[in-house]
């Protein structure tokens, strides 16, 4: 409606500065605006809009879930305040792999609202023995190469064996004591999906 009103005003102004205005100019202008806004077939345009809205809803609910990163747990890989997307269909054909960054709901955090999830990296797979020594992660007694970890705190933990449906998840930022870190075992059904982008959008440039 605003587009139509604007064009009509322009036509009237032109008519005031001219001695003659050919008949039908205003109607043609309004018709052109209507064609641009709603198309030649309003019913078909409405159907297209409904399909587009439905498609966007389905993508957001079942395919790509937008998230905002809050907290320093995944520094420096994912900076605080950045935007990313969770691919909910990533594990339809195959299970999570070591090194995948995923969105999860930890089993000991069920009291949190459904919109709150944790962004973590999978480092341990079902059936493996996990332990930390001197800040380094050991899988079945062998040290795991983790190039994404830039600074390490002196983490030490007792060995634990993952069950058949469990993964071990932890953040990339190991520069803080383990007590201040959300990490541990996560069941497969608590993994919402895999993070789509390697770096977050619109993240702060500060480390």
C-alpha atoms as a PDB file:
ATOM      1  CA  UNK A   1       0.000   0.000   0.000  1.00  0.00           C
ATOM      2  CA  UNK A   2       2.785   2.458   0.767  1.00  0.00           C
ATOM      3  CA  UNK A   3       4.376   1.854  -2.592  1.00  0.00           C
ATOM      4  CA  UNK A   4       1.111   2.609  -4.340  1.00  0.00           C
ATOM      5  CA  UNK A   5       0.548   5.823  -2.336  1.00  0.00           C
ATOM      6  CA  UNK A   6       4.054   7.041  -3.116  1.00  0.00           C
ATOM      7  CA  UNK A   7       3.681   6.570  -6.842  1.00  0.00           C
ATOM      8  CA  UNK A   8       0.276   8.328  -6.835  1.00  0.00           C
ATOM      9  CA  UNK A   9       1.767  11.355  -5.079  1.00  0.00           C
ATOM     10  CA  UNK A  10       4.538  11.594  -7.642  1.00  0.00           C
ATOM     11  CA  UNK A  11       2.029  11.544 -10.491  1.00  0.00           C
ATOM     12  CA  UNK A  12      -0.059  14.335  -8.901  1.00  0.00           C
ATOM     13  CA  UNK A  13       3.032  16.492  -8.452  1.00  0.00           C
ATOM     14  CA  UNK A  14       3.889  16.067 -12.126  1.00  0.00           C
ATOM     15  CA  UNK A  15       0.354  17.020 -13.085  1.00  0.00           C
ATOM     16  CA  UNK A  16       0.650  20.267 -11.139  1.00  0.00           C
ATOM     17  CA  UNK A  17       3.685  21.365 -13.145  1.00  0.00           C
ATOM     18  CA  UNK A  18       2.321  20.541 -16.552  1.00  0.00           C
ATOM     19  CA  UNK A  19      -0.482  22.046 -18.611  1.00  0.00           C
ATOM     20  CA  UNK A  20      -1.708  18.612 -19.724  1.00  0.00           C
ATOM     21  CA  UNK A  21      -1.466  15.098 -18.363  1.00  0.00           C
ATOM     22  CA  UNK A  22      -2.445  12.213 -20.651  1.00  0.00           C
ATOM     23  CA  UNK A  23      -5.356  10.229 -19.273  1.00  0.00           C
ATOM     24  CA  UNK A  24      -4.659   6.866 -17.648  1.00  0.00           C
ATOM     25  CA  UNK A  25      -1.065   7.571 -16.493  1.00  0.00           C
ATOM     26  CA  UNK A  26      -1.972   7.227 -12.810  1.00  0.00           C
ATOM     27  CA  UNK A  27      -3.884   4.002 -13.446  1.00  0.00           C
ATOM     28  CA  UNK A  28      -0.983   2.550 -15.415  1.00  0.00           C
ATOM     29  CA  UNK A  29       1.456   3.485 -12.644  1.00  0.00           C
ATOM     30  CA  UNK A  30      -0.703   1.922  -9.961  1.00  0.00           C
ATOM     31  CA  UNK A  31      -1.138  -1.186 -12.080  1.00  0.00           C
ATOM     32  CA  UNK A  32       2.633  -1.474 -12.530  1.00  0.00           C
ATOM     33  CA  UNK A  33       3.179  -1.198  -8.771  1.00  0.00           C
ATOM     34  CA  UNK A  34       0.546  -3.854  -8.085  1.00  0.00           C
ATOM     35  CA  UNK A  35       2.208  -6.160 -10.588  1.00  0.00           C
ATOM     36  CA  UNK A  36       5.589  -5.731  -8.897  1.00  0.00           C
ATOM     37  CA  UNK A  37       4.208  -6.207  -5.388  1.00  0.00           C
ATOM     38  CA  UNK A  38       1.693  -9.037  -5.837  1.00  0.00           C
ATOM     39  CA  UNK A  39       2.366 -10.288  -9.374  1.00  0.00           C
ATOM     40  CA  UNK A  40      -0.027 -10.705 -12.262  1.00  0.00           C
ATOM     41  CA  UNK A  41      -1.878 -13.477 -10.447  1.00  0.00           C
ATOM     42  CA  UNK A  42      -2.518 -12.577  -6.751  1.00  0.00           C
ATOM     43  CA  UNK A  43      -3.742 -16.073  -5.911  1.00  0.00           C
ATOM     44  CA  UNK A  44      -0.587 -17.668  -7.272  1.00  0.00           C
ATOM     45  CA  UNK A  45       1.558 -15.102  -5.446  1.00  0.00           C
ATOM     46  CA  UNK A  46      -0.193 -15.893  -2.156  1.00  0.00           C
ATOM     47  CA  UNK A  47       0.443 -19.609  -2.655  1.00  0.00           C
ATOM     48  CA  UNK A  48       4.133 -18.923  -3.297  1.00  0.00           C
ATOM     49  CA  UNK A  49       4.376 -16.848  -0.134  1.00  0.00           C
ATOM     50  CA  UNK A  50       2.728 -19.581   1.939  1.00  0.00           C
ATOM     51  CA  UNK A  51       5.046 -22.213   0.477  1.00  0.00           C
ATOM     52  CA  UNK A  52       8.099 -20.039   1.174  1.00  0.00           C
ATOM     53  CA  UNK A  53       7.044 -19.366   4.773  1.00  0.00           C
ATOM     54  CA  UNK A  54       6.345 -23.061   5.345  1.00  0.00           C
ATOM     55  CA  UNK A  55       9.698 -24.023   3.848  1.00  0.00           C
ATOM     56  CA  UNK A  56      11.554 -21.558   6.076  1.00  0.00           C
ATOM     57  CA  UNK A  57       9.738 -22.933   9.121  1.00  0.00           C
ATOM     58  CA  UNK A  58      10.561 -26.541   8.242  1.00  0.00           C
ATOM     59  CA  UNK A  59      14.222 -25.735   7.594  1.00  0.00           C
ATOM     60  CA  UNK A  60      14.560 -23.946  10.925  1.00  0.00           C
ATOM     61  CA  UNK A  61      12.732 -26.600  12.938  1.00  0.00           C
ATOM     62  CA  UNK A  62      14.111 -29.771  11.372  1.00  0.00           C
ATOM     63  CA  UNK A  63      17.252 -28.983   9.347  1.00  0.00           C
ATOM     64  CA  UNK A  64      19.261 -25.869  10.285  1.00  0.00           C
ATOM     65  CA  UNK A  65      18.894 -24.450  13.773  1.00  0.00           C
ATOM     66  CA  UNK A  66      20.471 -20.983  14.259  1.00  0.00           C
ATOM     67  CA  UNK A  67      22.389 -20.526  17.522  1.00  0.00           C
ATOM     68  CA  UNK A  68      24.404 -17.818  19.252  1.00  0.00           C
ATOM     69  CA  UNK A  69      27.652 -18.754  21.015  1.00  0.00           C
ATOM     70  CA  UNK A  70      27.737 -17.597  24.649  1.00  0.00           C
ATOM     71  CA  UNK A  71      30.777 -18.127  26.869  1.00  0.00           C
ATOM     72  CA  UNK A  72      34.511 -18.785  26.324  1.00  0.00           C
ATOM     73  CA  UNK A  73      34.409 -22.592  26.371  1.00  0.00           C
ATOM     74  CA  UNK A  74      35.189 -23.030  22.654  1.00  0.00           C
ATOM     75  CA  UNK A  75      37.811 -20.297  22.263  1.00  0.00           C
ATOM     76  CA  UNK A  76      39.659 -19.665  20.048  1.00  0.00           C
ATOM     77  CA  UNK A  77      37.737 -21.763  17.497  1.00  0.00           C
ATOM     78  CA  UNK A  78      34.341 -20.180  18.155  1.00  0.00           C
ATOM     79  CA  UNK A  79      34.315 -16.698  19.614  1.00  0.00           C
ATOM     80  CA  UNK A  80      31.672 -15.455  22.005  1.00  0.00           C
ATOM     81  CA  UNK A  81      28.668 -13.752  20.456  1.00  0.00           C
ATOM     82  CA  UNK A  82      29.074 -15.416  17.075  1.00  0.00           C
ATOM     83  CA  UNK A  83      26.219 -16.913  15.056  1.00  0.00           C
ATOM     84  CA  UNK A  84      26.292 -20.462  13.741  1.00  0.00           C
ATOM     85  CA  UNK A  85      23.930 -23.201  12.594  1.00  0.00           C
ATOM     86  CA  UNK A  86      23.235 -26.714  13.836  1.00  0.00           C
ATOM     87  CA  UNK A  87      22.749 -29.289  11.098  1.00  0.00           C
ATOM     88  CA  UNK A  88      20.142 -31.614  12.563  1.00  0.00           C
ATOM     89  CA  UNK A  89      20.388 -34.079   9.681  1.00  0.00           C
ATOM     90  CA  UNK A  90      24.159 -34.587   9.916  1.00  0.00           C
ATOM     91  CA  UNK A  91      23.934 -37.966  11.629  1.00  0.00           C
ATOM     92  CA  UNK A  92      21.056 -39.601   9.816  1.00  0.00           C
ATOM     93  CA  UNK A  93      23.318 -42.034   7.940  1.00  0.00           C
ATOM     94  CA  UNK A  94      26.355 -42.242  10.211  1.00  0.00           C
ATOM     95  CA  UNK A  95      27.155 -41.493  13.834  1.00  0.00           C
ATOM     96  CA  UNK A  96      29.249 -38.640  15.233  1.00  0.00           C
ATOM     97  CA  UNK A  97      32.983 -38.742  14.651  1.00  0.00           C
ATOM     98  CA  UNK A  98      35.908 -37.676  16.788  1.00  0.00           C
ATOM     99  CA  UNK A  99      36.616 -33.993  16.275  1.00  0.00           C
ATOM    100  CA  UNK A 100      33.037 -33.051  15.381  1.00  0.00           C
ATOM    101  CA  UNK A 101      31.758 -29.898  17.054  1.00  0.00           C
ATOM    102  CA  UNK A 102      28.185 -30.499  18.130  1.00  0.00           C
ATOM    103  CA  UNK A 103      25.291 -28.925  19.974  1.00  0.00           C
ATOM    104  CA  UNK A 104      24.181 -31.078  22.894  1.00  0.00           C
ATOM    105  CA  UNK A 105      22.037 -31.163  25.992  1.00  0.00           C
ATOM    106  CA  UNK A 106      24.103 -32.752  28.745  1.00  0.00           C
ATOM    107  CA  UNK A 107      22.293 -35.381  30.790  1.00  0.00           C
ATOM    108  CA  UNK A 108      23.023 -33.560  34.071  1.00  0.00           C
ATOM    109  CA  UNK A 109      21.515 -30.296  32.774  1.00  0.00           C
ATOM    110  CA  UNK A 110      17.901 -31.307  32.174  1.00  0.00           C
ATOM    111  CA  UNK A 111      16.624 -28.383  34.265  1.00  0.00           C
ATOM    112  CA  UNK A 112      17.799 -25.881  31.657  1.00  0.00           C
ATOM    113  CA  UNK A 113      15.265 -24.502  29.165  1.00  0.00           C
ATOM    114  CA  UNK A 114      15.086 -26.402  25.837  1.00  0.00           C
ATOM    115  CA  UNK A 115      16.612 -23.408  24.038  1.00  0.00           C
ATOM    116  CA  UNK A 116      19.855 -23.720  26.053  1.00  0.00           C
ATOM    117  CA  UNK A 117      22.421 -26.102  24.567  1.00  0.00           C
ATOM    118  CA  UNK A 118      26.151 -26.649  24.888  1.00  0.00           C
ATOM    119  CA  UNK A 119      28.645 -26.238  22.066  1.00  0.00           C
ATOM    120  CA  UNK A 120      31.323 -28.908  22.526  1.00  0.00           C
ATOM    121  CA  UNK A 121      33.801 -31.041  20.606  1.00  0.00           C
ATOM    122  CA  UNK A 122      33.554 -34.820  20.552  1.00  0.00           C
ATOM    123  CA  UNK A 123      36.870 -36.323  21.665  1.00  0.00           C
ATOM    124  CA  UNK A 124      35.842 -39.762  22.922  1.00  0.00           C
ATOM    125  CA  UNK A 125      33.812 -42.442  21.155  1.00  0.00           C
ATOM    126  CA  UNK A 126      31.667 -45.269  22.590  1.00  0.00           C
ATOM    127  CA  UNK A 127      33.668 -47.982  24.352  1.00  0.00           C
ATOM    128  CA  UNK A 128      36.858 -45.902  24.720  1.00  0.00           C
ATOM    129  CA  UNK A 129      38.750 -45.192  27.938  1.00  0.00           C
ATOM    130  CA  UNK A 130      39.165 -41.466  28.604  1.00  0.00           C
ATOM    131  CA  UNK A 131      41.562 -39.737  30.999  1.00  0.00           C
ATOM    132  CA  UNK A 132      43.493 -36.478  31.414  1.00  0.00           C
ATOM    133  CA  UNK A 133      47.129 -36.258  32.515  1.00  0.00           C
ATOM    134  CA  UNK A 134      49.003 -32.971  32.778  1.00  0.00           C
ATOM    135  CA  UNK A 135      46.415 -31.240  30.627  1.00  0.00           C
ATOM    136  CA  UNK A 136      46.680 -33.798  27.824  1.00  0.00           C
ATOM    137  CA  UNK A 137      43.857 -36.113  26.796  1.00  0.00           C
ATOM    138  CA  UNK A 138      44.530 -39.840  26.566  1.00  0.00           C
ATOM    139  CA  UNK A 139      42.338 -42.270  24.626  1.00  0.00           C
ATOM    140  CA  UNK A 140      42.881 -45.930  25.542  1.00  0.00           C
ATOM    141  CA  UNK A 141      46.275 -44.978  26.947  1.00  0.00           C
ATOM    142  CA  UNK A 142      47.417 -43.004  23.897  1.00  0.00           C
ATOM    143  CA  UNK A 143      47.730 -39.226  23.848  1.00  0.00           C
ATOM    144  CA  UNK A 144      45.321 -37.518  21.461  1.00  0.00           C
ATOM    145  CA  UNK A 145      46.685 -34.885  19.091  1.00  0.00           C
ATOM    146  CA  UNK A 146      44.485 -31.787  19.501  1.00  0.00           C
ATOM    147  CA  UNK A 147      45.731 -28.920  17.296  1.00  0.00           C
ATOM    148  CA  UNK A 148      42.663 -26.846  18.144  1.00  0.00           C
ATOM    149  CA  UNK A 149      43.755 -26.552  21.803  1.00  0.00           C
ATOM    150  CA  UNK A 150      46.091 -23.552  22.089  1.00  0.00           C
ATOM    151  CA  UNK A 151      46.551 -23.306  25.864  1.00  0.00           C
ATOM    152  CA  UNK A 152      46.297 -26.046  28.484  1.00  0.00           C
ATOM    153  CA  UNK A 153      45.609 -26.121  32.187  1.00  0.00           C
ATOM    154  CA  UNK A 154      47.004 -28.954  34.275  1.00  0.00           C
ATOM    155  CA  UNK A 155      43.956 -31.197  34.017  1.00  0.00           C
ATOM    156  CA  UNK A 156      44.122 -34.622  35.665  1.00  0.00           C
ATOM    157  CA  UNK A 157      41.314 -37.144  35.951  1.00  0.00           C
ATOM    158  CA  UNK A 158      40.704 -40.784  36.661  1.00  0.00           C
ATOM    159  CA  UNK A 159      40.080 -43.111  33.713  1.00  0.00           C
ATOM    160  CA  UNK A 160      36.490 -43.686  32.676  1.00  0.00           C
ATOM    161  CA  UNK A 161      35.072 -46.021  30.064  1.00  0.00           C
ATOM    162  CA  UNK A 162      32.303 -44.797  27.799  1.00  0.00           C
ATOM    163  CA  UNK A 163      29.214 -46.929  27.333  1.00  0.00           C
ATOM    164  CA  UNK A 164      27.958 -48.060  23.930  1.00  0.00           C
ATOM    165  CA  UNK A 165      25.734 -44.995  23.497  1.00  0.00           C
ATOM    166  CA  UNK A 166      28.031 -42.391  25.065  1.00  0.00           C
ATOM    167  CA  UNK A 167      30.452 -39.799  23.693  1.00  0.00           C
ATOM    168  CA  UNK A 168      32.935 -37.687  25.606  1.00  0.00           C
ATOM    169  CA  UNK A 169      32.657 -33.969  24.876  1.00  0.00           C
ATOM    170  CA  UNK A 170      34.782 -31.027  25.966  1.00  0.00           C
ATOM    171  CA  UNK A 171      35.503 -27.449  24.916  1.00  0.00           C
ATOM    172  CA  UNK A 172      38.601 -26.289  23.035  1.00  0.00           C
ATOM    173  CA  UNK A 173      39.494 -23.713  25.678  1.00  0.00           C
ATOM    174  CA  UNK A 174      41.522 -25.687  28.254  1.00  0.00           C
ATOM    175  CA  UNK A 175      43.170 -22.598  29.774  1.00  0.00           C
ATOM    176  CA  UNK A 176      40.922 -22.730  32.851  1.00  0.00           C
ATOM    177  CA  UNK A 177      40.657 -25.278  35.689  1.00  0.00           C
ATOM    178  CA  UNK A 178      38.553 -28.326  34.879  1.00  0.00           C
ATOM    179  CA  UNK A 179      36.094 -27.392  37.647  1.00  0.00           C
ATOM    180  CA  UNK A 180      35.038 -24.341  35.622  1.00  0.00           C
ATOM    181  CA  UNK A 181      34.472 -26.347  32.453  1.00  0.00           C
ATOM    182  CA  UNK A 182      31.329 -28.102  31.298  1.00  0.00           C
ATOM    183  CA  UNK A 183      32.560 -31.439  29.967  1.00  0.00           C
ATOM    184  CA  UNK A 184      31.854 -35.106  30.300  1.00  0.00           C
ATOM    185  CA  UNK A 185      29.796 -37.947  28.901  1.00  0.00           C
ATOM    186  CA  UNK A 186      26.854 -37.252  26.604  1.00  0.00           C
ATOM    187  CA  UNK A 187      24.374 -39.818  25.356  1.00  0.00           C
ATOM    188  CA  UNK A 188      23.835 -40.100  21.630  1.00  0.00           C
ATOM    189  CA  UNK A 189      20.220 -38.968  21.929  1.00  0.00           C
ATOM    190  CA  UNK A 190      21.374 -35.737  23.605  1.00  0.00           C
ATOM    191  CA  UNK A 191      23.323 -34.660  20.522  1.00  0.00           C
ATOM    192  CA  UNK A 192      21.109 -32.194  18.672  1.00  0.00           C
ATOM    193  CA  UNK A 193      23.301 -31.964  15.571  1.00  0.00           C
ATOM    194  CA  UNK A 194      26.636 -30.952  14.084  1.00  0.00           C
ATOM    195  CA  UNK A 195      27.824 -27.367  13.849  1.00  0.00           C
ATOM    196  CA  UNK A 196      27.713 -26.311  10.202  1.00  0.00           C
ATOM    197  CA  UNK A 197      30.387 -23.597   9.985  1.00  0.00           C
ATOM    198  CA  UNK A 198      34.045 -23.829  10.982  1.00  0.00           C
ATOM    199  CA  UNK A 199      33.891 -20.256  12.326  1.00  0.00           C
ATOM    200  CA  UNK A 200      30.962 -18.293  13.693  1.00  0.00           C
ATOM    201  CA  UNK A 201      29.453 -15.325  11.832  1.00  0.00           C
ATOM    202  CA  UNK A 202      29.497 -11.826  13.322  1.00  0.00           C
ATOM    203  CA  UNK A 203      31.783 -12.907  16.167  1.00  0.00           C
ATOM    204  CA  UNK A 204      33.789 -10.397  18.170  1.00  0.00           C
ATOM    205  CA  UNK A 205      37.360  -9.956  16.938  1.00  0.00           C
ATOM    206  CA  UNK A 206      38.704  -9.960  20.485  1.00  0.00           C
ATOM    207  CA  UNK A 207      40.377 -13.224  21.579  1.00  0.00           C
END
